[in-house]
């Protein structure tokens, strides 16, 4: 089963078993504007929930991308090195950032589903 969840920092993740694909939401990329650079984590890096995992730079600002849970980076989206604009054109698809093996799948249980996130994002303006 694939479930999509969102964090309050506007990261999304889809979960299949104990592997999560992580990116930023459409709302986040709209707030950032044109993405010009993405700094991805190294494969094998151990991430801690709520800590820095990646960096995205736009024409407006640089923003940290936080780990949605504890785990280890399994793969990064190398295509973003050459085409960071994929984050703008398909933020919740081809613009994903990295895949991680979840250390504790229970950590994502309290994250927002689509409906809750939509309401949260609308409240952010």
PDB file of N, CA and C in Angstrom:
ATOM      1  N   UNK A   1       0.836  -1.190   0.000  1.00  0.00           N
ATOM      2  CA  UNK A   1       0.000   0.000   0.000  1.00  0.00           C
ATOM      3  C   UNK A   1       0.879   1.251   0.000  1.00  0.00           C
ATOM      4  N   UNK A   2       0.529   2.186  -0.826  1.00  0.00           N
ATOM      5  CA  UNK A   2       1.261   3.442  -0.883  1.00  0.00           C
ATOM      6  C   UNK A   2       0.415   4.511  -0.209  1.00  0.00           C
ATOM      7  N   UNK A   3       0.970   5.103   0.822  1.00  0.00           N
ATOM      8  CA  UNK A   3       0.271   6.179   1.516  1.00  0.00           C
ATOM      9  C   UNK A   3       1.085   7.449   1.365  1.00  0.00           C
ATOM     10  N   UNK A   4       0.417   8.573   1.137  1.00  0.00           N
ATOM     11  CA  UNK A   4       1.127   9.854   1.055  1.00  0.00           C
ATOM     12  C   UNK A   4       0.826  10.627   2.329  1.00  0.00           C
ATOM     13  N   UNK A   5       1.875  11.152   2.921  1.00  0.00           N
ATOM     14  CA  UNK A   5       1.762  11.941   4.141  1.00  0.00           C
ATOM     15  C   UNK A   5       2.534  13.238   3.961  1.00  0.00           C
ATOM     16  N   UNK A   6       2.199  14.238   4.761  1.00  0.00           N
ATOM     17  CA  UNK A   6       2.824  15.558   4.683  1.00  0.00           C
ATOM     18  C   UNK A   6       3.273  16.004   6.073  1.00  0.00           C
ATOM     19  N   UNK A   7       4.356  16.788   6.098  1.00  0.00           N
ATOM     20  CA  UNK A   7       4.831  17.363   7.351  1.00  0.00           C
ATOM     21  C   UNK A   7       4.395  18.825   7.422  1.00  0.00           C
ATOM     22  N   UNK A   8       4.517  19.426   8.598  1.00  0.00           N
ATOM     23  CA  UNK A   8       4.201  20.844   8.755  1.00  0.00           C
ATOM     24  C   UNK A   8       5.233  21.728   8.076  1.00  0.00           C
ATOM     25  N   UNK A   9       6.361  21.142   7.667  1.00  0.00           N
ATOM     26  CA  UNK A   9       7.395  21.890   6.947  1.00  0.00           C
ATOM     27  C   UNK A   9       7.227  21.751   5.431  1.00  0.00           C
ATOM     28  N   UNK A  10       6.109  21.166   5.008  1.00  0.00           N
ATOM     29  CA  UNK A  10       5.726  21.047   3.592  1.00  0.00           C
ATOM     30  C   UNK A  10       6.519  19.999   2.808  1.00  0.00           C
ATOM     31  N   UNK A  11       7.086  19.015   3.516  1.00  0.00           N
ATOM     32  CA  UNK A  11       7.636  17.865   2.811  1.00  0.00           C
ATOM     33  C   UNK A  11       6.517  16.848   2.650  1.00  0.00           C
ATOM     34  N   UNK A  12       6.582  16.064   1.564  1.00  0.00           N
ATOM     35  CA  UNK A  12       5.659  14.949   1.398  1.00  0.00           C
ATOM     36  C   UNK A  12       6.481  13.669   1.380  1.00  0.00           C
ATOM     37  N   UNK A  13       5.837  12.585   1.699  1.00  0.00           N
ATOM     38  CA  UNK A  13       6.482  11.301   1.530  1.00  0.00           C
ATOM     39  C   UNK A  13       5.440  10.269   1.163  1.00  0.00           C
ATOM     40  N   UNK A  14       5.823   9.369   0.271  1.00  0.00           N
ATOM     41  CA  UNK A  14       4.998   8.213  -0.023  1.00  0.00           C
ATOM     42  C   UNK A  14       5.735   7.027   0.565  1.00  0.00           C
ATOM     43  N   UNK A  15       4.975   6.128   1.155  1.00  0.00           N
ATOM     44  CA  UNK A  15       5.563   5.022   1.894  1.00  0.00           C
ATOM     45  C   UNK A  15       5.138   3.700   1.281  1.00  0.00           C
ATOM     46  N   UNK A  16       6.132   2.892   0.978  1.00  0.00           N
ATOM     47  CA  UNK A  16       5.882   1.529   0.520  1.00  0.00           C
ATOM     48  C   UNK A  16       6.721   0.621   1.399  1.00  0.00           C
ATOM     49  N   UNK A  17       6.060  -0.117   2.272  1.00  0.00           N
ATOM     50  CA  UNK A  17       6.782  -0.947   3.225  1.00  0.00           C
ATOM     51  C   UNK A  17       7.562  -0.060   4.172  1.00  0.00           C
ATOM     52  N   UNK A  18       8.895  -0.243   4.227  1.00  0.00           N
ATOM     53  CA  UNK A  18       9.711   0.596   5.108  1.00  0.00           C
ATOM     54  C   UNK A  18      10.561   1.592   4.320  1.00  0.00           C
ATOM     55  N   UNK A  19      10.156   1.852   3.061  1.00  0.00           N
ATOM     56  CA  UNK A  19      10.871   2.822   2.231  1.00  0.00           C
ATOM     57  C   UNK A  19       9.948   4.012   1.952  1.00  0.00           C
ATOM     58  N   UNK A  20      10.499   5.204   2.122  1.00  0.00           N
ATOM     59  CA  UNK A  20       9.738   6.428   1.855  1.00  0.00           C
ATOM     60  C   UNK A  20      10.442   7.231   0.769  1.00  0.00           C
ATOM     61  N   UNK A  21       9.646   7.751  -0.170  1.00  0.00           N
ATOM     62  CA  UNK A  21      10.135   8.703  -1.171  1.00  0.00           C
ATOM     63  C   UNK A  21       9.762  10.080  -0.637  1.00  0.00           C
ATOM     64  N   UNK A  22      10.716  11.019  -0.639  1.00  0.00           N
ATOM     65  CA  UNK A  22      10.516  12.321  -0.010  1.00  0.00           C
ATOM     66  C   UNK A  22      10.707  13.447  -1.026  1.00  0.00           C
ATOM     67  N   UNK A  23       9.830  14.447  -0.938  1.00  0.00           N
ATOM     68  CA  UNK A  23       9.943  15.645  -1.768  1.00  0.00           C
ATOM     69  C   UNK A  23       9.266  16.804  -1.063  1.00  0.00           C
ATOM     70  N   UNK A  24       9.082  17.908  -1.787  1.00  0.00           N
ATOM     71  CA  UNK A  24       8.351  19.043  -1.215  1.00  0.00           C
ATOM     72  C   UNK A  24       7.012  19.184  -1.928  1.00  0.00           C
ATOM     73  N   UNK A  25       6.060  19.734  -1.210  1.00  0.00           N
ATOM     74  CA  UNK A  25       4.701  19.847  -1.734  1.00  0.00           C
ATOM     75  C   UNK A  25       4.587  20.915  -2.821  1.00  0.00           C
ATOM     76  N   UNK A  26       3.513  20.826  -3.562  1.00  0.00           N
ATOM     77  CA  UNK A  26       3.220  21.839  -4.568  1.00  0.00           C
ATOM     78  C   UNK A  26       3.123  23.216  -3.911  1.00  0.00           C
ATOM     79  N   UNK A  27       2.494  23.281  -2.748  1.00  0.00           N
ATOM     80  CA  UNK A  27       2.374  24.539  -2.006  1.00  0.00           C
ATOM     81  C   UNK A  27       3.766  25.118  -1.730  1.00  0.00           C
ATOM     82  N   UNK A  28       4.705  24.259  -1.302  1.00  0.00           N
ATOM     83  CA  UNK A  28       6.058  24.726  -0.977  1.00  0.00           C
ATOM     84  C   UNK A  28       6.764  25.276  -2.205  1.00  0.00           C
ATOM     85  N   UNK A  29       6.672  24.557  -3.331  1.00  0.00           N
ATOM     86  CA  UNK A  29       7.379  25.052  -4.521  1.00  0.00           C
ATOM     87  C   UNK A  29       6.756  26.353  -5.026  1.00  0.00           C
ATOM     88  N   UNK A  30       5.443  26.520  -4.840  1.00  0.00           N
ATOM     89  CA  UNK A  30       4.803  27.785  -5.228  1.00  0.00           C
ATOM     90  C   UNK A  30       5.325  28.938  -4.372  1.00  0.00           C
ATOM     91  N   UNK A  31       5.536  28.675  -3.088  1.00  0.00           N
ATOM     92  CA  UNK A  31       6.048  29.705  -2.183  1.00  0.00           C
ATOM     93  C   UNK A  31       7.503  30.064  -2.512  1.00  0.00           C
ATOM     94  N   UNK A  32       8.270  29.061  -2.923  1.00  0.00           N
ATOM     95  CA  UNK A  32       9.692  29.272  -3.209  1.00  0.00           C
ATOM     96  C   UNK A  32       9.926  30.001  -4.529  1.00  0.00           C
ATOM     97  N   UNK A  33       9.096  29.741  -5.513  1.00  0.00           N
ATOM     98  CA  UNK A  33       9.338  30.296  -6.839  1.00  0.00           C
ATOM     99  C   UNK A  33      10.256  29.372  -7.632  1.00  0.00           C
ATOM    100  N   UNK A  34      10.908  29.910  -8.654  1.00  0.00           N
ATOM    101  CA  UNK A  34      11.727  29.093  -9.546  1.00  0.00           C
ATOM    102  C   UNK A  34      12.912  28.473  -8.818  1.00  0.00           C
ATOM    103  N   UNK A  35      12.970  27.153  -8.817  1.00  0.00           N
ATOM    104  CA  UNK A  35      14.048  26.412  -8.174  1.00  0.00           C
ATOM    105  C   UNK A  35      15.263  26.421  -9.105  1.00  0.00           C
ATOM    106  N   UNK A  36      16.422  26.824  -8.570  1.00  0.00           N
ATOM    107  CA  UNK A  36      17.631  26.908  -9.391  1.00  0.00           C
ATOM    108  C   UNK A  36      18.708  25.908  -8.976  1.00  0.00           C
ATOM    109  N   UNK A  37      18.588  25.335  -7.785  1.00  0.00           N
ATOM    110  CA  UNK A  37      19.606  24.406  -7.310  1.00  0.00           C
ATOM    111  C   UNK A  37      19.028  23.540  -6.203  1.00  0.00           C
ATOM    112  N   UNK A  38      19.414  22.264  -6.199  1.00  0.00           N
ATOM    113  CA  UNK A  38      19.013  21.351  -5.126  1.00  0.00           C
ATOM    114  C   UNK A  38      20.263  20.648  -4.619  1.00  0.00           C
ATOM    115  N   UNK A  39      20.479  20.697  -3.309  1.00  0.00           N
ATOM    116  CA  UNK A  39      21.587  19.965  -2.686  1.00  0.00           C
ATOM    117  C   UNK A  39      20.991  18.731  -2.021  1.00  0.00           C
ATOM    118  N   UNK A  40      21.325  17.578  -2.558  1.00  0.00           N
ATOM    119  CA  UNK A  40      20.758  16.318  -2.073  1.00  0.00           C
ATOM    120  C   UNK A  40      21.668  15.677  -1.026  1.00  0.00           C
ATOM    121  N   UNK A  41      21.094  14.862  -0.147  1.00  0.00           N
ATOM    122  CA  UNK A  41      21.935  14.172   0.845  1.00  0.00           C
ATOM    123  C   UNK A  41      22.744  13.064   0.163  1.00  0.00           C
ATOM    124  N   UNK A  42      23.783  12.601   0.835  1.00  0.00           N
ATOM    125  CA  UNK A  42      24.574  11.498   0.300  1.00  0.00           C
ATOM    126  C   UNK A  42      23.867  10.178   0.572  1.00  0.00           C
ATOM    127  N   UNK A  43      23.963   9.257  -0.391  1.00  0.00           N
ATOM    128  CA  UNK A  43      23.433   7.912  -0.179  1.00  0.00           C
ATOM    129  C   UNK A  43      24.185   7.308   1.003  1.00  0.00           C
ATOM    130  N   UNK A  44      23.429   6.689   1.905  1.00  0.00           N
ATOM    131  CA  UNK A  44      24.024   6.103   3.104  1.00  0.00           C
ATOM    132  C   UNK A  44      23.963   7.014   4.314  1.00  0.00           C
ATOM    133  N   UNK A  45      23.647   8.296   4.108  1.00  0.00           N
ATOM    134  CA  UNK A  45      23.562   9.235   5.228  1.00  0.00           C
ATOM    135  C   UNK A  45      22.401   8.840   6.135  1.00  0.00           C
ATOM    136  N   UNK A  46      22.651   8.876   7.424  1.00  0.00           N
ATOM    137  CA  UNK A  46      21.599   8.579   8.392  1.00  0.00           C
ATOM    138  C   UNK A  46      20.933   9.900   8.774  1.00  0.00           C
ATOM    139  N   UNK A  47      19.626   9.950   8.578  1.00  0.00           N
ATOM    140  CA  UNK A  47      18.856  11.172   8.846  1.00  0.00           C
ATOM    141  C   UNK A  47      18.110  11.049  10.163  1.00  0.00           C
ATOM    142  N   UNK A  48      17.903  12.192  10.787  1.00  0.00           N
ATOM    143  CA  UNK A  48      17.155  12.249  12.030  1.00  0.00           C
ATOM    144  C   UNK A  48      15.905  13.091  11.801  1.00  0.00           C
ATOM    145  N   UNK A  49      14.778  12.590  12.254  1.00  0.00           N
ATOM    146  CA  UNK A  49      13.506  13.287  12.046  1.00  0.00           C
ATOM    147  C   UNK A  49      13.600  14.743  12.485  1.00  0.00           C
ATOM    148  N   UNK A  50      13.172  15.644  11.582  1.00  0.00           N
ATOM    149  CA  UNK A  50      13.152  17.067  11.892  1.00  0.00           C
ATOM    150  C   UNK A  50      14.460  17.787  11.663  1.00  0.00           C
ATOM    151  N   UNK A  51      15.513  17.039  11.308  1.00  0.00           N
ATOM    152  CA  UNK A  51      16.834  17.651  11.066  1.00  0.00           C
ATOM    153  C   UNK A  51      17.034  17.846   9.564  1.00  0.00           C
ATOM    154  N   UNK A  52      18.018  18.679   9.215  1.00  0.00           N
ATOM    155  CA  UNK A  52      18.320  18.970   7.811  1.00  0.00           C
ATOM    156  C   UNK A  52      18.619  17.699   7.028  1.00  0.00           C
ATOM    157  N   UNK A  53      18.017  17.594   5.844  1.00  0.00           N
ATOM    158  CA  UNK A  53      18.286  16.457   4.965  1.00  0.00           C
ATOM    159  C   UNK A  53      18.802  16.928   3.611  1.00  0.00           C
ATOM    160  N   UNK A  54      18.279  18.052   3.123  1.00  0.00           N
ATOM    161  CA  UNK A  54      18.657  18.569   1.809  1.00  0.00           C
ATOM    162  C   UNK A  54      18.438  20.082   1.827  1.00  0.00           C
ATOM    163  N   UNK A  55      18.868  20.737   0.745  1.00  0.00           N
ATOM    164  CA  UNK A  55      18.678  22.180   0.598  1.00  0.00           C
ATOM    165  C   UNK A  55      18.130  22.440  -0.793  1.00  0.00           C
ATOM    166  N   UNK A  56      17.167  23.336  -0.873  1.00  0.00           N
ATOM    167  CA  UNK A  56      16.641  23.747  -2.168  1.00  0.00           C
ATOM    168  C   UNK A  56      16.814  25.266  -2.265  1.00  0.00           C
ATOM    169  N   UNK A  57      17.350  25.714  -3.389  1.00  0.00           N
ATOM    170  CA  UNK A  57      17.545  27.146  -3.593  1.00  0.00           C
ATOM    171  C   UNK A  57      16.663  27.604  -4.747  1.00  0.00           C
ATOM    172  N   UNK A  58      16.008  28.730  -4.516  1.00  0.00           N
ATOM    173  CA  UNK A  58      15.181  29.323  -5.566  1.00  0.00           C
ATOM    174  C   UNK A  58      15.700  30.725  -5.831  1.00  0.00           C
ATOM    175  N   UNK A  59      15.068  31.400  -6.778  1.00  0.00           N
ATOM    176  CA  UNK A  59      15.467  32.778  -7.053  1.00  0.00           C
ATOM    177  C   UNK A  59      15.168  33.672  -5.848  1.00  0.00           C
ATOM    178  N   UNK A  60      14.278  33.226  -4.971  1.00  0.00           N
ATOM    179  CA  UNK A  60      13.901  34.014  -3.802  1.00  0.00           C
ATOM    180  C   UNK A  60      14.762  33.727  -2.570  1.00  0.00           C
ATOM    181  N   UNK A  61      15.040  32.441  -2.305  1.00  0.00           N
ATOM    182  CA  UNK A  61      15.684  32.074  -1.041  1.00  0.00           C
ATOM    183  C   UNK A  61      16.197  30.646  -1.086  1.00  0.00           C
ATOM    184  N   UNK A  62      16.996  30.304  -0.089  1.00  0.00           N
ATOM    185  CA  UNK A  62      17.416  28.915   0.110  1.00  0.00           C
ATOM    186  C   UNK A  62      16.599  28.368   1.287  1.00  0.00           C
ATOM    187  N   UNK A  63      16.170  27.137   1.171  1.00  0.00           N
ATOM    188  CA  UNK A  63      15.363  26.535   2.229  1.00  0.00           C
ATOM    189  C   UNK A  63      15.872  25.142   2.551  1.00  0.00           C
ATOM    190  N   UNK A  64      15.830  24.814   3.831  1.00  0.00           N
ATOM    191  CA  UNK A  64      16.200  23.477   4.273  1.00  0.00           C
ATOM    192  C   UNK A  64      15.045  22.527   3.992  1.00  0.00           C
ATOM    193  N   UNK A  65      15.388  21.314   3.651  1.00  0.00           N
ATOM    194  CA  UNK A  65      14.409  20.238   3.542  1.00  0.00           C
ATOM    195  C   UNK A  65      14.711  19.318   4.719  1.00  0.00           C
ATOM    196  N   UNK A  66      13.707  19.053   5.532  1.00  0.00           N
ATOM    197  CA  UNK A  66      13.913  18.290   6.753  1.00  0.00           C
ATOM    198  C   UNK A  66      13.503  16.833   6.572  1.00  0.00           C
ATOM    199  N   UNK A  67      14.176  15.967   7.302  1.00  0.00           N
ATOM    200  CA  UNK A  67      13.842  14.550   7.263  1.00  0.00           C
ATOM    201  C   UNK A  67      12.489  14.348   7.950  1.00  0.00           C
ATOM    202  N   UNK A  68      11.553  13.657   7.291  1.00  0.00           N
ATOM    203  CA  UNK A  68      10.238  13.438   7.889  1.00  0.00           C
ATOM    204  C   UNK A  68      10.247  12.334   8.952  1.00  0.00           C
ATOM    205  N   UNK A  69      11.343  11.585   9.022  1.00  0.00           N
ATOM    206  CA  UNK A  69      11.466  10.495   9.986  1.00  0.00           C
ATOM    207  C   UNK A  69      12.941  10.109  10.082  1.00  0.00           C
ATOM    208  N   UNK A  70      13.275   9.292  11.069  1.00  0.00           N
ATOM    209  CA  UNK A  70      14.622   8.747  11.165  1.00  0.00           C
ATOM    210  C   UNK A  70      14.798   7.695  10.083  1.00  0.00           C
ATOM    211  N   UNK A  71      16.002   7.628   9.514  1.00  0.00           N
ATOM    212  CA  UNK A  71      16.253   6.592   8.534  1.00  0.00           C
ATOM    213  C   UNK A  71      17.524   6.841   7.759  1.00  0.00           C
ATOM    214  N   UNK A  72      17.762   5.999   6.768  1.00  0.00           N
ATOM    215  CA  UNK A  72      18.978   6.067   5.968  1.00  0.00           C
ATOM    216  C   UNK A  72      18.639   6.338   4.517  1.00  0.00           C
ATOM    217  N   UNK A  73      19.402   7.237   3.902  1.00  0.00           N
ATOM    218  CA  UNK A  73      19.193   7.571   2.493  1.00  0.00           C
ATOM    219  C   UNK A  73      19.610   6.381   1.626  1.00  0.00           C
ATOM    220  N   UNK A  74      18.677   5.908   0.806  1.00  0.00           N
ATOM    221  CA  UNK A  74      18.928   4.777  -0.089  1.00  0.00           C
ATOM    222  C   UNK A  74      19.279   5.232  -1.501  1.00  0.00           C
ATOM    223  N   UNK A  75      18.666   6.334  -1.924  1.00  0.00           N
ATOM    224  CA  UNK A  75      18.817   6.796  -3.301  1.00  0.00           C
ATOM    225  C   UNK A  75      18.489   8.279  -3.340  1.00  0.00           C
ATOM    226  N   UNK A  76      19.122   9.007  -4.264  1.00  0.00           N
ATOM    227  CA  UNK A  76      18.777  10.411  -4.477  1.00  0.00           C
ATOM    228  C   UNK A  76      18.369  10.592  -5.930  1.00  0.00           C
ATOM    229  N   UNK A  77      17.600  11.622  -6.191  1.00  0.00           N
ATOM    230  CA  UNK A  77      17.114  11.915  -7.535  1.00  0.00           C
ATOM    231  C   UNK A  77      18.183  12.716  -8.280  1.00  0.00           C
ATOM    232  N   UNK A  78      19.114  11.992  -8.912  1.00  0.00           N
ATOM    233  CA  UNK A  78      20.235  12.629  -9.605  1.00  0.00           C
ATOM    234  C   UNK A  78      19.768  13.589 -10.696  1.00  0.00           C
ATOM    235  N   UNK A  79      18.589  13.365 -11.252  1.00  0.00           N
ATOM    236  CA  UNK A  79      18.077  14.222 -12.331  1.00  0.00           C
ATOM    237  C   UNK A  79      17.966  15.675 -11.870  1.00  0.00           C
ATOM    238  N   UNK A  80      17.783  15.902 -10.572  1.00  0.00           N
ATOM    239  CA  UNK A  80      17.643  17.277 -10.070  1.00  0.00           C
ATOM    240  C   UNK A  80      18.946  18.062 -10.162  1.00  0.00           C
ATOM    241  N   UNK A  81      20.079  17.362 -10.244  1.00  0.00           N
ATOM    242  CA  UNK A  81      21.358  18.065 -10.391  1.00  0.00           C
ATOM    243  C   UNK A  81      21.390  18.842 -11.694  1.00  0.00           C
ATOM    244  N   UNK A  82      20.841  18.251 -12.765  1.00  0.00           N
ATOM    245  CA  UNK A  82      20.830  18.904 -14.080  1.00  0.00           C
ATOM    246  C   UNK A  82      19.550  19.688 -14.333  1.00  0.00           C
ATOM    247  N   UNK A  83      18.465  19.241 -13.718  1.00  0.00           N
ATOM    248  CA  UNK A  83      17.161  19.869 -13.952  1.00  0.00           C
ATOM    249  C   UNK A  83      16.436  20.174 -12.640  1.00  0.00           C
ATOM    250  N   UNK A  84      16.939  21.139 -11.848  1.00  0.00           N
ATOM    251  CA  UNK A  84      16.274  21.454 -10.583  1.00  0.00           C
ATOM    252  C   UNK A  84      14.839  21.943 -10.779  1.00  0.00           C
ATOM    253  N   UNK A  85      14.524  22.438 -11.979  1.00  0.00           N
ATOM    254  CA  UNK A  85      13.173  22.910 -12.282  1.00  0.00           C
ATOM    255  C   UNK A  85      12.112  21.823 -12.219  1.00  0.00           C
ATOM    256  N   UNK A  86      12.534  20.543 -12.207  1.00  0.00           N
ATOM    257  CA  UNK A  86      11.556  19.449 -12.051  1.00  0.00           C
ATOM    258  C   UNK A  86      10.778  19.608 -10.751  1.00  0.00           C
ATOM    259  N   UNK A  87      11.427  20.234  -9.757  1.00  0.00           N
ATOM    260  CA  UNK A  87      10.743  20.456  -8.477  1.00  0.00           C
ATOM    261  C   UNK A  87       9.555  21.395  -8.684  1.00  0.00           C
ATOM    262  N   UNK A  88       9.681  22.348  -9.610  1.00  0.00           N
ATOM    263  CA  UNK A  88       8.564  23.242  -9.915  1.00  0.00           C
ATOM    264  C   UNK A  88       7.529  22.577 -10.808  1.00  0.00           C
ATOM    265  N   UNK A  89       7.997  21.857 -11.832  1.00  0.00           N
ATOM    266  CA  UNK A  89       7.065  21.318 -12.818  1.00  0.00           C
ATOM    267  C   UNK A  89       6.318  20.087 -12.323  1.00  0.00           C
ATOM    268  N   UNK A  90       6.948  19.294 -11.448  1.00  0.00           N
ATOM    269  CA  UNK A  90       6.299  18.067 -10.960  1.00  0.00           C
ATOM    270  C   UNK A  90       6.753  17.783  -9.525  1.00  0.00           C
ATOM    271  N   UNK A  91       6.419  18.695  -8.580  1.00  0.00           N
ATOM    272  CA  UNK A  91       6.953  18.590  -7.220  1.00  0.00           C
ATOM    273  C   UNK A  91       6.571  17.299  -6.495  1.00  0.00           C
ATOM    274  N   UNK A  92       5.409  16.755  -6.818  1.00  0.00           N
ATOM    275  CA  UNK A  92       4.963  15.565  -6.096  1.00  0.00           C
ATOM    276  C   UNK A  92       5.057  14.313  -6.980  1.00  0.00           C
ATOM    277  N   UNK A  93       5.950  14.395  -7.993  1.00  0.00           N
ATOM    278  CA  UNK A  93       6.187  13.269  -8.892  1.00  0.00           C
ATOM    279  C   UNK A  93       7.662  13.179  -9.200  1.00  0.00           C
ATOM    280  N   UNK A  94       8.051  13.551 -10.444  1.00  0.00           N
ATOM    281  CA  UNK A  94       9.444  13.451 -10.878  1.00  0.00           C
ATOM    282  C   UNK A  94      10.387  14.378 -10.108  1.00  0.00           C
ATOM    283  N   UNK A  95       9.841  15.329  -9.371  1.00  0.00           N
ATOM    284  CA  UNK A  95      10.671  16.259  -8.600  1.00  0.00           C
ATOM    285  C   UNK A  95      10.998  15.776  -7.199  1.00  0.00           C
ATOM    286  N   UNK A  96      10.860  14.466  -6.947  1.00  0.00           N
ATOM    287  CA  UNK A  96      11.203  13.927  -5.617  1.00  0.00           C
ATOM    288  C   UNK A  96      12.689  14.150  -5.318  1.00  0.00           C
ATOM    289  N   UNK A  97      13.047  14.149  -4.036  1.00  0.00           N
ATOM    290  CA  UNK A  97      14.417  14.442  -3.615  1.00  0.00           C
ATOM    291  C   UNK A  97      15.219  13.177  -3.307  1.00  0.00           C
ATOM    292  N   UNK A  98      14.691  12.344  -2.409  1.00  0.00           N
ATOM    293  CA  UNK A  98      15.444  11.153  -2.031  1.00  0.00           C
ATOM    294  C   UNK A  98      14.501  10.058  -1.526  1.00  0.00           C
ATOM    295  N   UNK A  99      15.053   8.840  -1.515  1.00  0.00           N
ATOM    296  CA  UNK A  99      14.360   7.695  -0.940  1.00  0.00           C
ATOM    297  C   UNK A  99      15.119   7.305   0.315  1.00  0.00           C
ATOM    298  N   UNK A 100      14.371   6.940   1.343  1.00  0.00           N
ATOM    299  CA  UNK A 100      15.011   6.558   2.602  1.00  0.00           C
ATOM    300  C   UNK A 100      14.371   5.316   3.185  1.00  0.00           C
ATOM    301  N   UNK A 101      15.183   4.540   3.880  1.00  0.00           N
ATOM    302  CA  UNK A 101      14.686   3.379   4.619  1.00  0.00           C
ATOM    303  C   UNK A 101      14.301   3.896   5.994  1.00  0.00           C
ATOM    304  N   UNK A 102      13.039   3.722   6.364  1.00  0.00           N
ATOM    305  CA  UNK A 102      12.546   4.226   7.642  1.00  0.00           C
ATOM    306  C   UNK A 102      13.069   3.356   8.784  1.00  0.00           C
ATOM    307  N   UNK A 103      13.613   4.006   9.809  1.00  0.00           N
ATOM    308  CA  UNK A 103      14.073   3.281  10.994  1.00  0.00           C
ATOM    309  C   UNK A 103      12.883   2.872  11.854  1.00  0.00           C
ATOM    310  N   UNK A 104      11.834   3.705  11.848  1.00  0.00           N
ATOM    311  CA  UNK A 104      10.637   3.444  12.663  1.00  0.00           C
ATOM    312  C   UNK A 104       9.429   3.990  11.912  1.00  0.00           C
ATOM    313  N   UNK A 105       8.724   3.098  11.229  1.00  0.00           N
ATOM    314  CA  UNK A 105       7.572   3.522  10.431  1.00  0.00           C
ATOM    315  C   UNK A 105       6.510   4.198  11.294  1.00  0.00           C
ATOM    316  N   UNK A 106       6.503   3.949  12.571  1.00  0.00           N
ATOM    317  CA  UNK A 106       5.545   4.575  13.473  1.00  0.00           C
ATOM    318  C   UNK A 106       5.706   6.084  13.538  1.00  0.00           C
ATOM    319  N   UNK A 107       6.901   6.583  13.194  1.00  0.00           N
ATOM    320  CA  UNK A 107       7.137   8.034  13.241  1.00  0.00           C
ATOM    321  C   UNK A 107       6.293   8.787  12.222  1.00  0.00           C
ATOM    322  N   UNK A 108       5.857   8.119  11.166  1.00  0.00           N
ATOM    323  CA  UNK A 108       5.096   8.824  10.141  1.00  0.00           C
ATOM    324  C   UNK A 108       3.586   8.721  10.360  1.00  0.00           C
ATOM    325  N   UNK A 109       3.195   7.963  11.357  1.00  0.00           N
ATOM    326  CA  UNK A 109       1.766   7.744  11.601  1.00  0.00           C
ATOM    327  C   UNK A 109       1.024   9.037  11.944  1.00  0.00           C
ATOM    328  N   UNK A 110       1.718   9.984  12.573  1.00  0.00           N
ATOM    329  CA  UNK A 110       1.051  11.225  12.990  1.00  0.00           C
ATOM    330  C   UNK A 110       1.155  12.337  11.954  1.00  0.00           C
ATOM    331  N   UNK A 111       1.737  12.053  10.787  1.00  0.00           N
ATOM    332  CA  UNK A 111       1.814  13.073   9.745  1.00  0.00           C
ATOM    333  C   UNK A 111       0.455  13.247   9.066  1.00  0.00           C
ATOM    334  N   UNK A 112       0.274  14.362   8.388  1.00  0.00           N
ATOM    335  CA  UNK A 112      -1.025  14.699   7.791  1.00  0.00           C
ATOM    336  C   UNK A 112      -1.295  13.926   6.505  1.00  0.00           C
ATOM    337  N   UNK A 113      -2.569  13.586   6.293  1.00  0.00           N
ATOM    338  CA  UNK A 113      -2.973  13.013   5.010  1.00  0.00           C
ATOM    339  C   UNK A 113      -3.305  14.167   4.060  1.00  0.00           C
ATOM    340  N   UNK A 114      -3.707  13.837   2.834  1.00  0.00           N
ATOM    341  CA  UNK A 114      -3.965  14.871   1.815  1.00  0.00           C
ATOM    342  C   UNK A 114      -4.938  15.942   2.300  1.00  0.00           C
ATOM    343  N   UNK A 115      -6.062  15.513   2.862  1.00  0.00           N
ATOM    344  CA  UNK A 115      -7.101  16.464   3.273  1.00  0.00           C
ATOM    345  C   UNK A 115      -6.615  17.364   4.405  1.00  0.00           C
ATOM    346  N   UNK A 116      -5.955  16.787   5.383  1.00  0.00           N
ATOM    347  CA  UNK A 116      -5.458  17.577   6.515  1.00  0.00           C
ATOM    348  C   UNK A 116      -4.390  18.556   6.048  1.00  0.00           C
ATOM    349  N   UNK A 117      -3.523  18.107   5.135  1.00  0.00           N
ATOM    350  CA  UNK A 117      -2.463  18.996   4.646  1.00  0.00           C
ATOM    351  C   UNK A 117      -3.047  20.142   3.829  1.00  0.00           C
ATOM    352  N   UNK A 118      -4.021  19.847   2.995  1.00  0.00           N
ATOM    353  CA  UNK A 118      -4.637  20.892   2.177  1.00  0.00           C
ATOM    354  C   UNK A 118      -5.216  21.983   3.077  1.00  0.00           C
ATOM    355  N   UNK A 119      -5.895  21.570   4.125  1.00  0.00           N
ATOM    356  CA  UNK A 119      -6.463  22.527   5.076  1.00  0.00           C
ATOM    357  C   UNK A 119      -5.353  23.322   5.768  1.00  0.00           C
ATOM    358  N   UNK A 120      -4.279  22.627   6.180  1.00  0.00           N
ATOM    359  CA  UNK A 120      -3.141  23.264   6.842  1.00  0.00           C
ATOM    360  C   UNK A 120      -2.490  24.293   5.916  1.00  0.00           C
ATOM    361  N   UNK A 121      -2.228  23.902   4.674  1.00  0.00           N
ATOM    362  CA  UNK A 121      -1.557  24.793   3.720  1.00  0.00           C
ATOM    363  C   UNK A 121      -2.399  26.023   3.399  1.00  0.00           C
ATOM    364  N   UNK A 122      -3.724  25.824   3.273  1.00  0.00           N
ATOM    365  CA  UNK A 122      -4.615  26.959   3.005  1.00  0.00           C
ATOM    366  C   UNK A 122      -4.581  27.945   4.166  1.00  0.00           C
ATOM    367  N   UNK A 123      -4.436  27.432   5.377  1.00  0.00           N
ATOM    368  CA  UNK A 123      -4.368  28.285   6.559  1.00  0.00           C
ATOM    369  C   UNK A 123      -3.068  29.084   6.630  1.00  0.00           C
ATOM    370  N   UNK A 124      -2.059  28.649   5.865  1.00  0.00           N
ATOM    371  CA  UNK A 124      -0.750  29.324   5.846  1.00  0.00           C
ATOM    372  C   UNK A 124      -0.740  30.510   4.883  1.00  0.00           C
ATOM    373  N   UNK A 125      -1.777  30.602   4.055  1.00  0.00           N
ATOM    374  CA  UNK A 125      -1.828  31.700   3.089  1.00  0.00           C
ATOM    375  C   UNK A 125      -1.099  31.310   1.863  1.00  0.00           C
TER     376      UNK A 125
END
